[in-house]
């Protein structure tokens, strides 16, 4: 029996070790794509990271999920664009911000006021101690312009959608916009109603983005695309919002709404899932549309 128990223990240990190694490799395996001469995107387990090269160094949009990813992003950004000068956090979610502490304490970190408030409300424990040196230290309400060397970055909080604090970052000279999670390209989006997100208002928020001058679109998740790709996502959001509104008008339950949902703009969409934690799929987005339309979710009040 002891030999059998020892053998089982060794097998379990090997399985766990392989799992840990695989997970580590997945986390640190980052891929770089050139968008323009001065703009690159870093893809990995977490948000899409934008890197803008200026003649003073790198501007970085979002930092993924883990500090070890942040360290790798910092190294890649240095190679691609020079020493990091500014981090821009598009919103508060951990897969866009938890790489921040891998950068130098006190580096300029820009976000909206609401993003900083949500980091304090939902994620305060992560930012205790040394990590506090990479919290947003330059915040704004609706619009902000950064001038870094020879480049201009226009930051805009266009309205409610993913949350009510998201910004988009326009690299003006390069005509590239980083959307953060106001755009999931070919993936089911997260809709954070508790942090002011809105299916109903999302399409109008994207209309404000379309007023900007850009050709290339970097989504928060999914491949780089163009204005037409962003329009397709807007069509999906409009259809989802109408589905929720119709369910509320008809007094349908969530189960009835799920069963009767006429949603086809999501054809080919991929599921985003973290086992035992979250799953962004068709059922999730329909539920969120129904919850907003029926007033079933209460927003967090910021102070």
Protein backbone atom coordinates (compact mmCIF):
# COMPACT_ATOMS: atom_id res chain seq x y z
CA UNK A 1 0.00 0.00 0.00
CA UNK A 2 2.85 2.35 0.83
CA UNK A 3 4.38 1.74 -2.59
CA UNK A 4 1.05 2.42 -4.28
CA UNK A 5 0.55 5.61 -2.23
CA UNK A 6 4.09 6.74 -3.05
CA UNK A 7 3.53 6.02 -6.75
CA UNK A 8 0.24 7.98 -6.74
CA UNK A 9 1.97 10.87 -4.97
CA UNK A 10 4.74 10.95 -7.58
CA UNK A 11 2.22 10.89 -10.43
CA UNK A 12 0.21 13.71 -8.90
CA UNK A 13 3.39 15.72 -8.29
CA UNK A 14 4.43 15.24 -11.92
CA UNK A 15 1.01 16.31 -13.19
CA UNK A 16 1.06 19.41 -10.99
CA UNK A 17 4.62 20.23 -12.08
CA UNK A 18 3.72 19.90 -15.75
CA UNK A 19 0.66 22.09 -15.18
CA UNK A 20 2.71 24.75 -13.44
CA UNK A 21 5.35 24.74 -16.18
CA UNK A 22 2.69 24.93 -18.90
CA UNK A 23 0.87 27.78 -17.15
CA UNK A 24 4.14 29.68 -16.63
CA UNK A 25 5.08 29.29 -20.29
CA UNK A 26 1.62 30.45 -21.38
CA UNK A 27 1.87 33.52 -19.14
CA UNK A 28 5.35 34.60 -20.25
CA UNK A 29 4.88 33.78 -23.96
CA UNK A 30 4.21 37.18 -25.47
CA UNK A 31 3.92 37.93 -29.18
CA UNK A 32 4.71 41.25 -30.85
CA UNK A 33 2.96 42.62 -33.94
CA UNK A 34 4.04 45.76 -35.81
CA UNK A 35 1.14 48.07 -36.62
CA UNK A 36 2.99 51.12 -37.96
CA UNK A 37 6.64 52.14 -37.91
CA UNK A 38 6.15 53.51 -34.39
CA UNK A 39 3.31 51.40 -32.98
CA UNK A 40 3.42 47.78 -31.87
CA UNK A 41 0.98 45.48 -30.08
CA UNK A 42 2.02 42.85 -27.53
CA UNK A 43 -0.35 39.87 -27.27
CA UNK A 44 -0.48 37.39 -24.41
CA UNK A 45 -2.59 36.04 -21.52
CA UNK A 46 -4.43 39.25 -20.70
CA UNK A 47 -5.07 42.53 -22.42
CA UNK A 48 -3.55 43.66 -25.70
CA UNK A 49 -0.71 46.03 -24.88
CA UNK A 50 -0.03 49.03 -27.12
CA UNK A 51 3.50 50.41 -27.42
CA UNK A 52 4.14 53.80 -29.03
CA UNK A 53 7.67 54.84 -29.91
CA UNK A 54 8.56 58.48 -29.36
CA UNK A 55 11.92 60.23 -29.51
CA UNK A 56 11.91 60.30 -25.70
CA UNK A 57 10.94 56.67 -25.11
CA UNK A 58 7.95 54.36 -24.92
CA UNK A 59 4.32 55.04 -24.14
CA UNK A 60 2.61 51.83 -22.98
CA UNK A 61 -1.14 51.19 -22.97
CA UNK A 62 -2.10 48.56 -20.36
CA UNK A 63 0.21 46.02 -18.70
CA UNK A 64 -1.58 42.62 -18.64
CA UNK A 65 -2.28 40.40 -15.64
CA UNK A 66 0.91 39.51 -13.78
CA UNK A 67 4.02 41.34 -12.64
CA UNK A 68 6.22 38.86 -14.50
CA UNK A 69 4.31 39.82 -17.67
CA UNK A 70 4.87 43.46 -16.76
CA UNK A 71 8.62 42.83 -16.56
CA UNK A 72 8.60 41.22 -19.99
CA UNK A 73 6.46 44.05 -21.40
CA UNK A 74 8.92 46.56 -19.97
CA UNK A 75 11.83 44.76 -21.64
CA UNK A 76 10.04 44.46 -25.00
CA UNK A 77 8.93 48.09 -24.90
CA UNK A 78 12.49 49.20 -24.21
CA UNK A 79 13.70 47.23 -27.24
CA UNK A 80 10.90 48.47 -29.49
CA UNK A 81 10.55 52.07 -28.41
CA UNK A 82 13.09 53.06 -25.78
CA UNK A 83 12.84 53.43 -22.00
CA UNK A 84 9.21 53.48 -20.79
CA UNK A 85 8.06 57.02 -20.05
CA UNK A 86 4.30 56.67 -19.53
CA UNK A 87 1.80 53.93 -18.73
CA UNK A 88 -1.84 54.43 -19.71
CA UNK A 89 -4.42 52.23 -17.99
CA UNK A 90 -7.62 52.03 -20.05
CA UNK A 91 -9.68 50.86 -17.03
CA UNK A 92 -9.31 49.16 -13.66
CA UNK A 93 -9.55 45.42 -14.42
CA UNK A 94 -6.59 43.32 -13.29
CA UNK A 95 -5.79 41.95 -16.75
CA UNK A 96 -4.97 45.51 -17.82
CA UNK A 97 -3.28 46.87 -14.68
CA UNK A 98 -1.59 44.21 -12.56
CA UNK A 99 1.62 44.39 -14.61
CA UNK A 100 2.10 48.03 -13.49
CA UNK A 101 4.27 47.23 -10.43
CA UNK A 102 6.95 45.75 -12.70
CA UNK A 103 7.76 49.31 -13.78
CA UNK A 104 9.70 51.93 -11.86
CA UNK A 105 7.86 53.35 -8.87
CA UNK A 106 6.72 56.88 -9.67
CA UNK A 107 6.54 56.41 -13.44
CA UNK A 108 3.78 58.54 -14.93
CA UNK A 109 0.59 56.44 -14.96
CA UNK A 110 -2.46 58.01 -16.61
CA UNK A 111 -6.09 56.96 -16.23
CA UNK A 112 -9.52 58.44 -15.71
CA UNK A 113 -10.60 59.53 -12.25
CA UNK A 114 -13.25 56.81 -12.22
CA UNK A 115 -10.68 54.12 -13.04
CA UNK A 116 -8.56 55.17 -10.07
CA UNK A 117 -11.65 55.18 -7.86
CA UNK A 118 -12.60 51.65 -8.98
CA UNK A 119 -9.06 50.43 -8.31
CA UNK A 120 -9.51 51.64 -4.76
CA UNK A 121 -13.06 50.28 -4.44
CA UNK A 122 -12.52 46.81 -5.94
CA UNK A 123 -8.78 46.09 -5.91
CA UNK A 124 -7.23 48.04 -3.02
CA UNK A 125 -5.34 45.12 -1.47
CA UNK A 126 -3.27 44.58 -4.62
CA UNK A 127 -2.03 48.16 -4.55
CA UNK A 128 -0.74 48.15 -0.98
CA UNK A 129 2.95 48.63 -0.24
CA UNK A 130 5.38 49.13 -3.10
CA UNK A 131 2.72 48.59 -5.76
CA UNK A 132 1.15 51.91 -4.80
CA UNK A 133 4.00 53.64 -6.65
CA UNK A 134 2.49 52.51 -9.95
CA UNK A 135 -1.10 53.53 -9.32
CA UNK A 136 -2.44 56.24 -11.67
CA UNK A 137 -0.87 59.53 -10.64
CA UNK A 138 -2.21 61.69 -13.48
CA UNK A 139 -5.98 61.45 -13.79
CA UNK A 140 -8.64 63.27 -15.76
CA UNK A 141 -12.41 63.35 -16.14
CA UNK A 142 -13.30 63.32 -19.86
CA UNK A 143 -10.40 64.29 -22.14
CA UNK A 144 -6.66 64.66 -21.78
CA UNK A 145 -3.75 65.23 -24.15
CA UNK A 146 -0.26 63.84 -23.66
CA UNK A 147 2.73 65.15 -25.52
CA UNK A 148 5.70 62.78 -25.28
CA UNK A 149 8.63 63.84 -27.42
CA UNK A 150 7.50 64.03 -31.03
CA UNK A 151 4.18 62.22 -30.44
CA UNK A 152 0.70 63.25 -29.33
CA UNK A 153 -1.66 60.90 -27.49
CA UNK A 154 -5.27 62.00 -27.12
CA UNK A 155 -7.10 60.28 -24.27
CA UNK A 156 -10.88 60.29 -24.30
CA UNK A 157 -13.50 58.87 -21.95
CA UNK A 158 -16.26 58.53 -24.56
CA UNK A 159 -19.04 57.19 -22.33
CA UNK A 160 -20.46 54.09 -20.74
CA UNK A 161 -19.92 50.63 -22.19
CA UNK A 162 -17.55 48.12 -20.65
CA UNK A 163 -17.46 50.28 -17.48
CA UNK A 164 -18.20 54.00 -17.10
CA UNK A 165 -14.53 54.86 -16.64
CA UNK A 166 -12.89 53.42 -19.77
CA UNK A 167 -10.68 55.58 -21.92
CA UNK A 168 -9.50 55.17 -25.50
CA UNK A 169 -6.02 56.27 -26.55
CA UNK A 170 -5.53 57.85 -29.97
CA UNK A 171 -1.96 57.91 -31.28
CA UNK A 172 -2.58 61.03 -33.31
CA UNK A 173 0.33 61.06 -35.75
CA UNK A 174 0.02 57.33 -36.42
CA UNK A 175 -3.80 57.34 -36.79
CA UNK A 176 -4.08 54.34 -34.45
CA UNK A 177 -6.63 54.06 -31.64
CA UNK A 178 -6.27 51.68 -28.70
CA UNK A 179 -9.79 50.87 -27.53
CA UNK A 180 -9.10 48.89 -24.38
CA UNK A 181 -12.14 46.81 -23.47
CA UNK A 182 -14.59 49.10 -25.19
CA UNK A 183 -13.86 46.72 -28.07
CA UNK A 184 -13.56 42.92 -27.98
CA UNK A 185 -12.79 41.85 -31.54
CA UNK A 186 -14.42 38.49 -32.28
CA UNK A 187 -14.79 37.70 -28.58
CA UNK A 188 -17.72 37.95 -26.20
CA UNK A 189 -17.19 41.12 -24.16
CA UNK A 190 -17.19 41.62 -20.43
CA UNK A 191 -19.99 43.99 -19.38
CA UNK A 192 -19.26 45.35 -15.91
CA UNK A 193 -22.66 46.73 -14.93
CA UNK A 194 -21.56 47.09 -11.31
CA UNK A 195 -18.87 49.56 -12.41
CA UNK A 196 -21.25 51.57 -14.57
CA UNK A 197 -21.04 49.48 -17.73
CA UNK A 198 -23.98 49.62 -20.12
CA UNK A 199 -25.13 47.58 -23.08
CA UNK A 200 -27.80 50.20 -23.78
CA UNK A 201 -25.35 53.12 -24.05
CA UNK A 202 -22.36 51.30 -25.53
CA UNK A 203 -23.22 51.90 -29.21
CA UNK A 204 -23.54 55.66 -28.65
CA UNK A 205 -20.17 55.59 -26.85
CA UNK A 206 -18.62 54.02 -29.94
CA UNK A 207 -20.21 56.73 -32.11
CA UNK A 208 -18.11 59.26 -30.17
CA UNK A 209 -15.00 57.21 -30.92
CA UNK A 210 -15.83 57.23 -34.64
CA UNK A 211 -15.57 61.02 -34.56
CA UNK A 212 -11.80 60.62 -34.04
CA UNK A 213 -9.36 60.37 -36.95
CA UNK A 214 -7.91 56.86 -37.09
CA UNK A 215 -7.39 54.00 -39.53
CA UNK A 216 -6.12 51.17 -37.33
CA UNK A 217 -7.93 49.83 -34.26
CA UNK A 218 -6.30 47.91 -31.40
CA UNK A 219 -8.97 46.11 -29.35
CA UNK A 220 -8.60 45.18 -25.71
CA UNK A 221 -8.86 41.53 -26.78
CA UNK A 222 -8.66 39.97 -30.22
CA UNK A 223 -6.76 40.85 -33.41
CA UNK A 224 -5.95 44.32 -34.68
CA UNK A 225 -8.49 45.61 -37.20
CA UNK A 226 -9.85 48.78 -38.79
CA UNK A 227 -12.92 51.03 -38.63
CA UNK A 228 -15.05 48.40 -40.38
CA UNK A 229 -14.13 45.84 -37.72
CA UNK A 230 -15.19 48.25 -34.99
CA UNK A 231 -18.50 48.85 -36.84
CA UNK A 232 -19.19 45.11 -36.79
CA UNK A 233 -18.78 45.06 -33.03
CA UNK A 234 -21.06 48.08 -32.71
CA UNK A 235 -23.70 46.20 -34.70
CA UNK A 236 -23.45 43.30 -32.26
CA UNK A 237 -23.83 45.65 -29.28
CA UNK A 238 -26.90 47.31 -30.83
CA UNK A 239 -28.51 43.94 -31.43
CA UNK A 240 -27.74 42.83 -27.88
CA UNK A 241 -29.20 46.04 -26.41
CA UNK A 242 -32.39 45.66 -28.43
CA UNK A 243 -32.71 42.06 -27.26
CA UNK A 244 -32.60 43.23 -23.65
CA UNK A 245 -35.07 46.05 -24.27
CA UNK A 246 -37.55 43.72 -25.96
CA UNK A 247 -37.33 41.24 -23.09
CA UNK A 248 -38.02 43.99 -20.56
CA UNK A 249 -41.00 45.30 -22.52
CA UNK A 250 -42.46 41.80 -22.77
CA UNK A 251 -41.81 41.01 -19.11
CA UNK A 252 -39.72 37.97 -19.99
CA UNK A 253 -37.74 36.10 -17.36
CA UNK A 254 -34.03 35.56 -17.85
CA UNK A 255 -34.65 31.93 -18.80
CA UNK A 256 -37.26 32.95 -21.39
CA UNK A 257 -34.92 35.61 -22.76
CA UNK A 258 -32.08 33.11 -23.12
CA UNK A 259 -34.36 30.62 -24.87
CA UNK A 260 -35.91 33.11 -27.31
CA UNK A 261 -32.87 35.30 -28.00
CA UNK A 262 -32.62 36.36 -31.66
CA UNK A 263 -28.93 37.17 -31.75
CA UNK A 264 -26.89 36.48 -34.86
CA UNK A 265 -24.32 39.29 -34.91
CA UNK A 266 -22.11 37.14 -32.69
CA UNK A 267 -21.51 34.49 -35.38
CA UNK A 268 -17.98 33.16 -34.97
CA UNK A 269 -17.39 34.84 -31.63
CA UNK A 270 -14.95 33.09 -29.28
CA UNK A 271 -15.51 32.42 -25.59
CA UNK A 272 -13.10 33.90 -23.05
CA UNK A 273 -12.87 31.71 -19.94
CA UNK A 274 -10.79 31.32 -16.81
CA UNK A 275 -11.71 28.00 -15.13
CA UNK A 276 -13.59 28.43 -11.83
CA UNK A 277 -13.44 32.22 -12.17
CA UNK A 278 -15.20 33.66 -15.20
CA UNK A 279 -16.72 32.75 -18.55
CA UNK A 280 -17.61 35.33 -21.18
CA UNK A 281 -19.97 33.64 -23.61
CA UNK A 282 -23.36 34.04 -25.30
CA UNK A 283 -25.30 33.27 -22.12
CA UNK A 284 -23.26 35.82 -20.19
CA UNK A 285 -23.83 38.76 -22.55
CA UNK A 286 -27.55 38.02 -22.89
CA UNK A 287 -27.86 37.86 -19.10
CA UNK A 288 -26.09 41.18 -18.71
CA UNK A 289 -28.36 42.82 -21.33
CA UNK A 290 -31.42 41.45 -19.53
CA UNK A 291 -30.15 42.53 -16.11
CA UNK A 292 -29.56 46.09 -17.25
CA UNK A 293 -32.87 46.34 -19.09
CA UNK A 294 -34.84 45.02 -16.11
CA UNK A 295 -32.92 46.99 -13.48
CA UNK A 296 -31.68 43.85 -11.77
CA UNK A 297 -28.15 45.10 -10.99
CA UNK A 298 -27.12 47.98 -8.78
CA UNK A 299 -24.12 50.13 -9.72
CA UNK A 300 -21.43 50.76 -7.15
CA UNK A 301 -21.60 54.31 -5.82
CA UNK A 302 -18.18 55.97 -5.80
CA UNK A 303 -17.31 58.48 -3.11
